[in-house]
Amino acid sequence: MHARSTTVMGQPGMMETGISHARDVVMPKVRAMDGCIGMSVLADRATGRCIVTTAWRDEDAMTATAGAVMTMRAEAAAMMGGEATVDEWEVAYLHRDHRAADGACARVTWIESDPASVDRVIDAFKMGIMPHVEQLEGFCSASLFVDRASGRGCLTATYDSEQAMAVTRDAAMGLRADLAQDTGMRVTEVGEFSLEVAHLDVPELV
């Protein structure tokens, strides 16, 4: 399974229009494409940052749709008042305790590691970190995306509410430090977002 994430640094005042466009216009079109198995939208209304992620059955399906989504991406970025950047990932891990409800939030951690260490990072995340994450208050789901060629990765943990995400902040910081110490990976950024759209018809990868 693979995923394509489109990040738009837009204008805070244009976020609601952009989110509605992604949900009501983009999502039906993308989900009708062969091999699409889901879509999510994360938003930080304070900064205007929005991340739209589409999940695909395999790399071939993701690659085959690259051209078809270019126009939609440009339109969505324009409606949010910003430029879009695109990342493509392998979905290395996905676990859902329960489906996200209204008000859910997500903490995203971007990481870098030696490309030769990617499998080590994946294993350490699965075996050493996730058992602790699953015990955090309000935990909903978690995923790990990787780009094996560059060694970059993206860890996402979803929580039932903004409050649940806030009270787990210190614990999450400690777990990130543990993962970095165990694998040598580096945390490049941490962001917290509201989960605006979550339609992922995907199997568990644990």
N, C-alpha and C. Protein backbone atom coordinates (compact mmCIF):
# COMPACT_ATOMS: atom_id res chain seq x y z
N MET A 1 0.84 -1.18 0.00
CA MET A 1 0.00 0.00 0.00
C MET A 1 0.88 1.25 0.00
N HIS A 2 0.45 2.26 -0.74
CA HIS A 2 1.20 3.51 -0.84
C HIS A 2 0.28 4.70 -0.58
N ALA A 3 0.89 5.86 -0.38
CA ALA A 3 0.12 7.07 -0.10
C ALA A 3 0.78 8.28 -0.74
N ARG A 4 -0.04 9.21 -1.18
CA ARG A 4 0.44 10.49 -1.70
C ARG A 4 -0.10 11.60 -0.79
N SER A 5 0.79 12.41 -0.26
CA SER A 5 0.34 13.52 0.58
C SER A 5 0.64 14.84 -0.11
N THR A 6 -0.36 15.71 -0.11
CA THR A 6 -0.24 17.05 -0.68
C THR A 6 -0.38 18.05 0.45
N THR A 7 0.65 18.85 0.65
CA THR A 7 0.65 19.85 1.72
C THR A 7 0.51 21.24 1.12
N VAL A 8 -0.45 21.98 1.62
CA VAL A 8 -0.68 23.35 1.17
C VAL A 8 -0.48 24.30 2.34
N MET A 9 0.41 25.26 2.17
CA MET A 9 0.55 26.34 3.15
C MET A 9 -0.33 27.49 2.67
N GLY A 10 -1.57 27.48 3.13
CA GLY A 10 -2.54 28.45 2.65
C GLY A 10 -2.75 29.61 3.60
N GLN A 11 -3.83 30.33 3.35
CA GLN A 11 -4.20 31.48 4.18
C GLN A 11 -5.25 31.02 5.21
N PRO A 12 -5.03 31.31 6.49
CA PRO A 12 -5.99 30.86 7.51
C PRO A 12 -7.43 31.21 7.20
N GLY A 13 -7.67 32.38 6.64
CA GLY A 13 -9.03 32.80 6.35
C GLY A 13 -9.69 32.05 5.21
N MET A 14 -8.90 31.27 4.46
CA MET A 14 -9.44 30.52 3.33
C MET A 14 -9.56 29.03 3.62
N MET A 15 -9.26 28.64 4.84
CA MET A 15 -9.22 27.22 5.18
C MET A 15 -10.57 26.54 5.05
N GLU A 16 -11.63 27.16 5.54
CA GLU A 16 -12.93 26.49 5.54
C GLU A 16 -13.38 26.18 4.11
N THR A 17 -13.19 27.14 3.22
CA THR A 17 -13.55 26.93 1.82
C THR A 17 -12.72 25.81 1.21
N GLY A 18 -11.42 25.80 1.51
CA GLY A 18 -10.55 24.78 0.97
C GLY A 18 -10.87 23.40 1.49
N ILE A 19 -11.16 23.30 2.78
CA ILE A 19 -11.50 22.00 3.37
C ILE A 19 -12.80 21.47 2.77
N SER A 20 -13.79 22.33 2.62
CA SER A 20 -15.06 21.93 2.02
C SER A 20 -14.86 21.45 0.59
N HIS A 21 -14.00 22.15 -0.15
CA HIS A 21 -13.71 21.75 -1.53
C HIS A 21 -13.06 20.37 -1.57
N ALA A 22 -12.10 20.14 -0.67
CA ALA A 22 -11.43 18.84 -0.63
C ALA A 22 -12.41 17.72 -0.31
N ARG A 23 -13.31 17.98 0.63
CA ARG A 23 -14.26 16.96 1.06
C ARG A 23 -15.36 16.71 0.02
N ASP A 24 -15.91 17.78 -0.53
CA ASP A 24 -17.11 17.66 -1.36
C ASP A 24 -16.82 17.50 -2.85
N VAL A 25 -15.68 18.01 -3.31
CA VAL A 25 -15.36 17.96 -4.74
C VAL A 25 -14.22 17.00 -5.03
N VAL A 26 -13.10 17.16 -4.33
CA VAL A 26 -11.92 16.34 -4.62
C VAL A 26 -12.14 14.88 -4.22
N MET A 27 -12.64 14.66 -3.02
CA MET A 27 -12.73 13.29 -2.52
C MET A 27 -13.57 12.36 -3.40
N PRO A 28 -14.76 12.75 -3.85
CA PRO A 28 -15.52 11.83 -4.71
C PRO A 28 -14.78 11.48 -5.99
N LYS A 29 -14.08 12.45 -6.57
CA LYS A 29 -13.35 12.19 -7.81
C LYS A 29 -12.18 11.25 -7.57
N VAL A 30 -11.43 11.49 -6.50
CA VAL A 30 -10.26 10.66 -6.22
C VAL A 30 -10.68 9.24 -5.85
N ARG A 31 -11.71 9.12 -5.03
CA ARG A 31 -12.12 7.80 -4.58
C ARG A 31 -12.72 6.96 -5.71
N ALA A 32 -13.10 7.61 -6.80
CA ALA A 32 -13.61 6.88 -7.96
C ALA A 32 -12.48 6.34 -8.83
N MET A 33 -11.25 6.77 -8.58
CA MET A 33 -10.11 6.32 -9.38
C MET A 33 -9.72 4.90 -9.01
N ASP A 34 -9.29 4.16 -10.01
CA ASP A 34 -8.89 2.76 -9.80
C ASP A 34 -7.73 2.68 -8.81
N GLY A 35 -7.91 1.88 -7.79
CA GLY A 35 -6.84 1.65 -6.82
C GLY A 35 -6.86 2.56 -5.62
N CYS A 36 -7.74 3.57 -5.61
CA CYS A 36 -7.81 4.46 -4.44
C CYS A 36 -8.55 3.74 -3.31
N ILE A 37 -7.96 3.75 -2.12
CA ILE A 37 -8.59 3.07 -0.99
C ILE A 37 -8.80 4.02 0.19
N GLY A 38 -8.73 5.32 -0.06
CA GLY A 38 -9.04 6.24 1.03
C GLY A 38 -8.44 7.61 0.87
N MET A 39 -8.93 8.52 1.71
CA MET A 39 -8.43 9.90 1.69
C MET A 39 -8.65 10.52 3.07
N SER A 40 -7.70 11.35 3.47
CA SER A 40 -7.84 12.08 4.74
C SER A 40 -7.40 13.52 4.53
N VAL A 41 -7.91 14.39 5.39
CA VAL A 41 -7.54 15.81 5.37
C VAL A 41 -7.22 16.25 6.79
N LEU A 42 -6.01 16.78 6.97
CA LEU A 42 -5.59 17.37 8.24
C LEU A 42 -5.47 18.87 8.06
N ALA A 43 -5.83 19.64 9.09
CA ALA A 43 -5.77 21.10 8.96
C ALA A 43 -5.29 21.74 10.25
N ASP A 44 -4.48 22.78 10.07
CA ASP A 44 -4.08 23.65 11.18
C ASP A 44 -4.65 25.03 10.84
N ARG A 45 -5.78 25.34 11.43
CA ARG A 45 -6.46 26.57 11.07
C ARG A 45 -5.68 27.82 11.47
N ALA A 46 -4.83 27.71 12.47
CA ALA A 46 -4.07 28.87 12.93
C ALA A 46 -3.03 29.30 11.91
N THR A 47 -2.41 28.32 11.24
CA THR A 47 -1.33 28.63 10.30
C THR A 47 -1.77 28.57 8.84
N GLY A 48 -2.89 27.92 8.56
CA GLY A 48 -3.32 27.75 7.18
C GLY A 48 -2.73 26.53 6.51
N ARG A 49 -2.12 25.66 7.28
CA ARG A 49 -1.50 24.46 6.71
C ARG A 49 -2.52 23.34 6.60
N CYS A 50 -2.57 22.70 5.45
CA CYS A 50 -3.51 21.62 5.21
C CYS A 50 -2.79 20.47 4.50
N ILE A 51 -3.03 19.25 4.96
CA ILE A 51 -2.40 18.07 4.36
C ILE A 51 -3.50 17.11 3.90
N VAL A 52 -3.55 16.89 2.59
CA VAL A 52 -4.50 15.95 2.00
C VAL A 52 -3.72 14.69 1.62
N THR A 53 -4.14 13.55 2.15
CA THR A 53 -3.46 12.29 1.88
C THR A 53 -4.41 11.31 1.22
N THR A 54 -3.97 10.74 0.10
CA THR A 54 -4.73 9.70 -0.57
C THR A 54 -3.98 8.39 -0.45
N ALA A 55 -4.71 7.31 -0.19
CA ALA A 55 -4.11 5.98 -0.04
C ALA A 55 -4.44 5.15 -1.28
N TRP A 56 -3.44 4.35 -1.70
CA TRP A 56 -3.56 3.59 -2.94
C TRP A 56 -3.20 2.13 -2.72
N ARG A 57 -3.84 1.27 -3.48
CA ARG A 57 -3.67 -0.17 -3.35
C ARG A 57 -2.20 -0.58 -3.48
N ASP A 58 -1.49 0.05 -4.40
CA ASP A 58 -0.07 -0.26 -4.60
C ASP A 58 0.60 0.93 -5.30
N GLU A 59 1.90 0.82 -5.50
CA GLU A 59 2.64 1.92 -6.10
C GLU A 59 2.20 2.18 -7.53
N ASP A 60 1.86 1.12 -8.27
CA ASP A 60 1.42 1.30 -9.66
C ASP A 60 0.15 2.14 -9.73
N ALA A 61 -0.79 1.87 -8.83
CA ALA A 61 -2.04 2.64 -8.83
C ALA A 61 -1.77 4.10 -8.50
N MET A 62 -0.88 4.34 -7.55
CA MET A 62 -0.54 5.71 -7.19
C MET A 62 0.11 6.44 -8.36
N THR A 63 1.05 5.78 -9.01
CA THR A 63 1.76 6.39 -10.13
C THR A 63 0.83 6.66 -11.31
N ALA A 64 -0.08 5.73 -11.57
CA ALA A 64 -0.98 5.86 -12.71
C ALA A 64 -1.92 7.06 -12.59
N THR A 65 -2.19 7.50 -11.36
CA THR A 65 -3.13 8.60 -11.15
C THR A 65 -2.44 9.95 -10.98
N ALA A 66 -1.12 9.97 -11.05
CA ALA A 66 -0.37 11.20 -10.78
C ALA A 66 -0.81 12.35 -11.69
N GLY A 67 -0.98 12.06 -12.97
CA GLY A 67 -1.38 13.11 -13.90
C GLY A 67 -2.80 13.58 -13.68
N ALA A 68 -3.69 12.64 -13.37
CA ALA A 68 -5.10 12.97 -13.23
C ALA A 68 -5.38 13.89 -12.05
N VAL A 69 -4.55 13.82 -11.02
CA VAL A 69 -4.83 14.62 -9.82
C VAL A 69 -4.13 15.98 -9.85
N MET A 70 -3.31 16.24 -10.85
CA MET A 70 -2.56 17.50 -10.88
C MET A 70 -3.48 18.72 -10.92
N THR A 71 -4.49 18.68 -11.78
CA THR A 71 -5.41 19.81 -11.89
C THR A 71 -6.19 20.01 -10.60
N MET A 72 -6.66 18.91 -10.03
CA MET A 72 -7.40 19.00 -8.77
C MET A 72 -6.53 19.58 -7.66
N ARG A 73 -5.27 19.19 -7.65
CA ARG A 73 -4.34 19.70 -6.64
C ARG A 73 -4.16 21.20 -6.79
N ALA A 74 -3.98 21.66 -8.02
CA ALA A 74 -3.79 23.09 -8.27
C ALA A 74 -5.03 23.89 -7.87
N GLU A 75 -6.20 23.35 -8.17
CA GLU A 75 -7.44 24.04 -7.81
C GLU A 75 -7.59 24.14 -6.30
N ALA A 76 -7.31 23.04 -5.60
CA ALA A 76 -7.44 23.03 -4.15
C ALA A 76 -6.46 24.00 -3.51
N ALA A 77 -5.23 24.03 -4.02
CA ALA A 77 -4.22 24.94 -3.47
C ALA A 77 -4.64 26.39 -3.68
N ALA A 78 -5.19 26.69 -4.86
CA ALA A 78 -5.64 28.05 -5.14
C ALA A 78 -6.77 28.47 -4.21
N MET A 79 -7.66 27.53 -3.90
CA MET A 79 -8.79 27.86 -3.03
C MET A 79 -8.33 28.10 -1.59
N MET A 80 -7.16 27.56 -1.25
CA MET A 80 -6.62 27.78 0.09
C MET A 80 -5.62 28.93 0.13
N GLY A 81 -5.32 29.48 -1.05
CA GLY A 81 -4.43 30.63 -1.11
C GLY A 81 -2.97 30.30 -0.91
N GLY A 82 -2.54 29.13 -1.38
CA GLY A 82 -1.15 28.75 -1.19
C GLY A 82 -0.63 27.84 -2.28
N GLU A 83 0.61 27.40 -2.11
CA GLU A 83 1.25 26.48 -3.05
C GLU A 83 1.23 25.07 -2.46
N ALA A 84 1.23 24.08 -3.34
CA ALA A 84 1.18 22.69 -2.91
C ALA A 84 2.53 22.00 -3.11
N THR A 85 2.90 21.18 -2.15
CA THR A 85 4.06 20.30 -2.29
C THR A 85 3.57 18.87 -2.13
N VAL A 86 4.22 17.94 -2.82
CA VAL A 86 3.75 16.56 -2.87
C VAL A 86 4.83 15.60 -2.38
N ASP A 87 4.41 14.63 -1.58
CA ASP A 87 5.29 13.55 -1.15
C ASP A 87 4.61 12.22 -1.44
N GLU A 88 5.40 11.23 -1.83
CA GLU A 88 4.86 9.90 -2.06
C GLU A 88 5.54 8.93 -1.11
N TRP A 89 4.74 8.02 -0.54
CA TRP A 89 5.20 7.18 0.55
C TRP A 89 4.80 5.72 0.37
N GLU A 90 5.57 4.86 1.00
CA GLU A 90 5.15 3.48 1.26
C GLU A 90 4.49 3.46 2.64
N VAL A 91 3.34 2.83 2.74
CA VAL A 91 2.68 2.71 4.04
C VAL A 91 3.27 1.49 4.75
N ALA A 92 4.14 1.75 5.72
CA ALA A 92 4.87 0.67 6.38
C ALA A 92 4.10 0.09 7.56
N TYR A 93 3.21 0.89 8.14
CA TYR A 93 2.46 0.44 9.32
C TYR A 93 1.16 1.21 9.40
N LEU A 94 0.10 0.49 9.79
CA LEU A 94 -1.19 1.14 9.99
C LEU A 94 -1.98 0.33 11.01
N HIS A 95 -2.44 0.99 12.04
CA HIS A 95 -3.24 0.32 13.07
C HIS A 95 -4.34 1.26 13.54
N ARG A 96 -5.56 0.74 13.59
CA ARG A 96 -6.68 1.55 14.04
C ARG A 96 -7.37 0.86 15.22
N ASP A 97 -7.38 1.54 16.36
CA ASP A 97 -8.09 1.02 17.52
C ASP A 97 -9.59 1.18 17.33
N HIS A 98 -9.99 2.34 16.83
CA HIS A 98 -11.39 2.59 16.52
C HIS A 98 -11.46 3.77 15.55
N ARG A 99 -12.57 3.89 14.90
CA ARG A 99 -12.73 4.96 13.90
C ARG A 99 -12.77 6.33 14.57
N ALA A 100 -12.23 7.30 13.86
CA ALA A 100 -12.23 8.67 14.37
C ALA A 100 -13.62 9.27 14.27
N ALA A 101 -14.00 10.01 15.30
CA ALA A 101 -15.29 10.70 15.31
C ALA A 101 -15.06 12.19 15.12
N ASP A 102 -16.12 12.95 15.06
CA ASP A 102 -16.00 14.40 14.96
C ASP A 102 -15.18 14.93 16.13
N GLY A 103 -14.29 15.88 15.84
CA GLY A 103 -13.46 16.45 16.88
C GLY A 103 -12.11 15.78 17.04
N ALA A 104 -11.85 14.73 16.25
CA ALA A 104 -10.57 14.03 16.35
C ALA A 104 -9.43 14.92 15.87
N CYS A 105 -8.24 14.66 16.41
CA CYS A 105 -7.04 15.43 16.06
C CYS A 105 -5.89 14.48 15.80
N ALA A 106 -4.83 14.99 15.18
CA ALA A 106 -3.68 14.15 14.85
C ALA A 106 -2.38 14.89 15.10
N ARG A 107 -1.42 14.15 15.62
CA ARG A 107 -0.06 14.65 15.78
C ARG A 107 0.81 13.98 14.73
N VAL A 108 1.49 14.77 13.91
CA VAL A 108 2.33 14.26 12.83
C VAL A 108 3.79 14.57 13.16
N THR A 109 4.62 13.54 13.06
CA THR A 109 6.06 13.69 13.31
C THR A 109 6.82 13.32 12.05
N TRP A 110 7.58 14.25 11.51
CA TRP A 110 8.40 13.98 10.34
C TRP A 110 9.81 13.62 10.80
N ILE A 111 10.36 12.58 10.19
CA ILE A 111 11.66 12.08 10.62
C ILE A 111 12.59 11.88 9.42
N GLU A 112 13.87 11.79 9.72
CA GLU A 112 14.89 11.44 8.73
C GLU A 112 15.79 10.38 9.33
N SER A 113 16.25 9.46 8.49
CA SER A 113 17.19 8.44 8.94
C SER A 113 18.05 8.02 7.76
N ASP A 114 19.09 7.29 8.05
CA ASP A 114 19.89 6.69 7.00
C ASP A 114 18.99 5.73 6.22
N PRO A 115 18.97 5.81 4.88
CA PRO A 115 18.12 4.89 4.12
C PRO A 115 18.34 3.42 4.48
N ALA A 116 19.55 3.08 4.84
CA ALA A 116 19.84 1.69 5.21
C ALA A 116 19.19 1.30 6.53
N SER A 117 18.74 2.29 7.30
CA SER A 117 18.16 2.03 8.62
C SER A 117 16.64 2.06 8.64
N VAL A 118 16.01 2.20 7.47
CA VAL A 118 14.56 2.35 7.44
C VAL A 118 13.85 1.15 8.07
N ASP A 119 14.28 -0.05 7.72
CA ASP A 119 13.63 -1.24 8.29
C ASP A 119 13.81 -1.29 9.81
N ARG A 120 14.93 -0.84 10.27
CA ARG A 120 15.17 -0.80 11.72
C ARG A 120 14.21 0.17 12.39
N VAL A 121 13.99 1.32 11.76
CA VAL A 121 13.05 2.29 12.31
C VAL A 121 11.64 1.71 12.34
N ILE A 122 11.25 1.05 11.24
CA ILE A 122 9.91 0.45 11.18
C ILE A 122 9.72 -0.57 12.30
N ASP A 123 10.69 -1.46 12.45
CA ASP A 123 10.59 -2.50 13.49
C ASP A 123 10.55 -1.90 14.89
N ALA A 124 11.39 -0.89 15.12
CA ALA A 124 11.42 -0.26 16.45
C ALA A 124 10.10 0.45 16.74
N PHE A 125 9.52 1.07 15.72
CA PHE A 125 8.24 1.74 15.90
C PHE A 125 7.14 0.72 16.24
N LYS A 126 7.11 -0.37 15.48
CA LYS A 126 6.08 -1.39 15.70
C LYS A 126 6.21 -2.04 17.07
N MET A 127 7.42 -2.48 17.39
CA MET A 127 7.64 -3.31 18.57
C MET A 127 7.88 -2.51 19.85
N GLY A 128 8.57 -1.38 19.71
CA GLY A 128 8.96 -0.65 20.90
C GLY A 128 8.09 0.54 21.26
N ILE A 129 7.51 1.18 20.23
CA ILE A 129 6.76 2.41 20.47
C ILE A 129 5.25 2.18 20.52
N MET A 130 4.73 1.43 19.56
CA MET A 130 3.28 1.29 19.47
C MET A 130 2.62 0.69 20.71
N PRO A 131 3.21 -0.29 21.38
CA PRO A 131 2.55 -0.79 22.60
C PRO A 131 2.30 0.31 23.63
N HIS A 132 3.17 1.32 23.67
CA HIS A 132 2.98 2.44 24.59
C HIS A 132 1.96 3.44 24.04
N VAL A 133 2.02 3.69 22.73
CA VAL A 133 1.09 4.64 22.11
C VAL A 133 -0.35 4.15 22.28
N GLU A 134 -0.56 2.86 22.14
CA GLU A 134 -1.91 2.30 22.24
C GLU A 134 -2.53 2.53 23.62
N GLN A 135 -1.68 2.74 24.62
CA GLN A 135 -2.18 2.94 25.98
C GLN A 135 -2.47 4.41 26.30
N LEU A 136 -2.11 5.31 25.40
CA LEU A 136 -2.32 6.74 25.66
C LEU A 136 -3.81 7.08 25.64
N GLU A 137 -4.17 8.03 26.47
CA GLU A 137 -5.57 8.44 26.58
C GLU A 137 -6.11 8.94 25.24
N GLY A 138 -7.25 8.40 24.84
CA GLY A 138 -7.91 8.88 23.63
C GLY A 138 -7.28 8.40 22.33
N PHE A 139 -6.35 7.44 22.40
CA PHE A 139 -5.70 6.97 21.17
C PHE A 139 -6.73 6.37 20.23
N CYS A 140 -6.61 6.74 18.96
CA CYS A 140 -7.55 6.27 17.94
C CYS A 140 -6.86 5.40 16.89
N SER A 141 -5.78 5.91 16.30
CA SER A 141 -5.09 5.16 15.24
C SER A 141 -3.67 5.70 15.06
N ALA A 142 -2.85 4.93 14.36
CA ALA A 142 -1.48 5.35 14.09
C ALA A 142 -1.01 4.80 12.76
N SER A 143 -0.10 5.53 12.13
CA SER A 143 0.48 5.07 10.86
C SER A 143 1.93 5.50 10.78
N LEU A 144 2.68 4.79 9.96
CA LEU A 144 4.06 5.14 9.64
C LEU A 144 4.23 5.05 8.13
N PHE A 145 4.56 6.18 7.51
CA PHE A 145 4.87 6.24 6.09
C PHE A 145 6.38 6.39 5.94
N VAL A 146 6.95 5.75 4.92
CA VAL A 146 8.39 5.89 4.69
C VAL A 146 8.69 6.10 3.21
N ASP A 147 9.80 6.78 2.97
CA ASP A 147 10.39 6.91 1.64
C ASP A 147 11.76 6.25 1.75
N ARG A 148 11.85 5.03 1.29
CA ARG A 148 13.07 4.25 1.50
C ARG A 148 14.29 4.87 0.82
N ALA A 149 14.08 5.52 -0.31
CA ALA A 149 15.22 6.07 -1.05
C ALA A 149 15.90 7.20 -0.29
N SER A 150 15.10 8.04 0.36
CA SER A 150 15.66 9.20 1.06
C SER A 150 15.86 8.97 2.55
N GLY A 151 15.18 7.96 3.10
CA GLY A 151 15.24 7.73 4.54
C GLY A 151 14.26 8.57 5.32
N ARG A 152 13.42 9.35 4.63
CA ARG A 152 12.44 10.18 5.33
C ARG A 152 11.23 9.34 5.75
N GLY A 153 10.55 9.82 6.78
CA GLY A 153 9.35 9.14 7.23
C GLY A 153 8.37 10.10 7.86
N CYS A 154 7.17 9.61 8.09
CA CYS A 154 6.10 10.42 8.66
C CYS A 154 5.28 9.54 9.60
N LEU A 155 5.30 9.88 10.88
CA LEU A 155 4.54 9.15 11.90
C LEU A 155 3.29 9.97 12.25
N THR A 156 2.14 9.34 12.23
CA THR A 156 0.90 10.04 12.58
C THR A 156 0.14 9.26 13.63
N ALA A 157 -0.24 9.94 14.69
CA ALA A 157 -1.09 9.35 15.73
C ALA A 157 -2.34 10.20 15.85
N THR A 158 -3.49 9.55 15.80
CA THR A 158 -4.77 10.24 15.87
C THR A 158 -5.42 10.01 17.23
N TYR A 159 -6.03 11.07 17.75
CA TYR A 159 -6.67 11.01 19.07
C TYR A 159 -8.12 11.47 18.97
N ASP A 160 -8.91 11.07 19.96
CA ASP A 160 -10.35 11.35 19.92
C ASP A 160 -10.68 12.84 19.99
N SER A 161 -9.80 13.63 20.60
CA SER A 161 -10.12 15.04 20.79
C SER A 161 -8.85 15.86 20.93
N GLU A 162 -9.00 17.17 20.83
CA GLU A 162 -7.86 18.06 21.04
C GLU A 162 -7.33 17.94 22.46
N GLN A 163 -8.23 17.75 23.42
CA GLN A 163 -7.81 17.59 24.81
C GLN A 163 -6.97 16.33 24.98
N ALA A 164 -7.42 15.21 24.38
CA ALA A 164 -6.66 13.97 24.49
C ALA A 164 -5.27 14.13 23.88
N MET A 165 -5.20 14.81 22.75
CA MET A 165 -3.90 15.03 22.12
C MET A 165 -3.01 15.88 23.02
N ALA A 166 -3.59 16.87 23.66
CA ALA A 166 -2.81 17.76 24.52
C ALA A 166 -2.23 17.03 25.72
N VAL A 167 -3.04 16.17 26.35
CA VAL A 167 -2.56 15.51 27.57
C VAL A 167 -1.53 14.43 27.27
N THR A 168 -1.43 14.00 26.01
CA THR A 168 -0.44 12.99 25.64
C THR A 168 0.85 13.61 25.11
N ARG A 169 0.93 14.93 25.09
CA ARG A 169 2.05 15.61 24.45
C ARG A 169 3.40 15.23 25.06
N ASP A 170 3.48 15.25 26.39
CA ASP A 170 4.75 14.93 27.05
C ASP A 170 5.14 13.47 26.84
N ALA A 171 4.16 12.58 26.93
CA ALA A 171 4.44 11.16 26.72
C ALA A 171 4.93 10.91 25.30
N ALA A 172 4.31 11.58 24.33
CA ALA A 172 4.72 11.42 22.94
C ALA A 172 6.13 11.93 22.72
N MET A 173 6.48 13.01 23.40
CA MET A 173 7.84 13.54 23.29
C MET A 173 8.86 12.52 23.79
N GLY A 174 8.55 11.86 24.89
CA GLY A 174 9.45 10.85 25.42
C GLY A 174 9.59 9.66 24.49
N LEU A 175 8.50 9.25 23.87
CA LEU A 175 8.55 8.12 22.94
C LEU A 175 9.35 8.47 21.70
N ARG A 176 9.24 9.70 21.22
CA ARG A 176 10.05 10.13 20.08
C ARG A 176 11.53 10.08 20.43
N ALA A 177 11.86 10.52 21.63
CA ALA A 177 13.26 10.49 22.07
C ALA A 177 13.77 9.06 22.15
N ASP A 178 12.92 8.15 22.63
CA ASP A 178 13.32 6.74 22.71
C ASP A 178 13.57 6.17 21.32
N LEU A 179 12.70 6.48 20.38
CA LEU A 179 12.85 5.96 19.02
C LEU A 179 14.12 6.51 18.38
N ALA A 180 14.40 7.79 18.61
CA ALA A 180 15.61 8.39 18.06
C ALA A 180 16.85 7.74 18.65
N GLN A 181 16.83 7.50 19.93
CA GLN A 181 17.99 6.89 20.58
C GLN A 181 18.21 5.46 20.10
N ASP A 182 17.12 4.73 19.90
CA ASP A 182 17.23 3.32 19.50
C ASP A 182 17.65 3.15 18.05
N THR A 183 17.30 4.10 17.18
CA THR A 183 17.50 3.90 15.74
C THR A 183 18.44 4.90 15.09
N GLY A 184 18.73 6.01 15.75
CA GLY A 184 19.55 7.04 15.14
C GLY A 184 18.78 7.97 14.23
N MET A 185 17.45 7.79 14.15
CA MET A 185 16.66 8.69 13.31
C MET A 185 16.57 10.06 13.96
N ARG A 186 16.25 11.08 13.15
CA ARG A 186 16.15 12.46 13.61
C ARG A 186 14.74 12.99 13.39
N VAL A 187 14.21 13.66 14.38
CA VAL A 187 12.91 14.32 14.23
C VAL A 187 13.14 15.69 13.60
N THR A 188 12.51 15.94 12.47
CA THR A 188 12.68 17.22 11.78
C THR A 188 11.55 18.20 12.06
N GLU A 189 10.38 17.69 12.41
CA GLU A 189 9.25 18.58 12.70
C GLU A 189 8.13 17.78 13.37
N VAL A 190 7.39 18.46 14.22
CA VAL A 190 6.18 17.89 14.82
C VAL A 190 5.05 18.90 14.63
N GLY A 191 3.91 18.44 14.15
CA GLY A 191 2.76 19.31 13.95
C GLY A 191 1.50 18.70 14.52
N GLU A 192 0.58 19.54 14.97
CA GLU A 192 -0.70 19.08 15.49
C GLU A 192 -1.83 19.67 14.66
N PHE A 193 -2.79 18.82 14.30
CA PHE A 193 -3.82 19.19 13.34
C PHE A 193 -5.19 18.68 13.78
N SER A 194 -6.22 19.30 13.26
CA SER A 194 -7.57 18.73 13.38
C SER A 194 -7.76 17.76 12.22
N LEU A 195 -8.47 16.68 12.47
CA LEU A 195 -8.75 15.69 11.44
C LEU A 195 -10.10 16.03 10.82
N GLU A 196 -10.05 16.58 9.61
CA GLU A 196 -11.26 17.09 8.97
C GLU A 196 -11.98 16.03 8.15
N VAL A 197 -11.23 15.15 7.53
CA VAL A 197 -11.79 14.07 6.71
C VAL A 197 -11.01 12.81 7.00
N ALA A 198 -11.71 11.70 7.18
CA ALA A 198 -11.04 10.41 7.41
C ALA A 198 -11.88 9.31 6.79
N HIS A 199 -11.58 8.98 5.56
CA HIS A 199 -12.25 7.88 4.87
C HIS A 199 -11.17 6.96 4.32
N LEU A 200 -10.78 5.99 5.13
CA LEU A 200 -9.71 5.07 4.75
C LEU A 200 -10.21 3.64 4.83
N ASP A 201 -10.45 3.05 3.67
CA ASP A 201 -10.92 1.66 3.60
C ASP A 201 -9.71 0.77 3.38
N VAL A 202 -8.88 0.67 4.42
CA VAL A 202 -7.61 -0.02 4.25
C VAL A 202 -7.47 -1.13 5.28
N PRO A 203 -6.69 -2.16 4.95
CA PRO A 203 -6.44 -3.22 5.91
C PRO A 203 -5.42 -2.79 6.95
N GLU A 204 -5.35 -3.55 8.02
CA GLU A 204 -4.33 -3.28 9.04
C GLU A 204 -2.97 -3.77 8.53
N LEU A 205 -1.93 -3.02 8.82
CA LEU A 205 -0.57 -3.45 8.52
C LEU A 205 0.20 -3.35 9.83
N VAL A 206 0.28 -4.45 10.54
CA VAL A 206 0.90 -4.40 11.87
C VAL A 206 2.06 -5.37 11.97
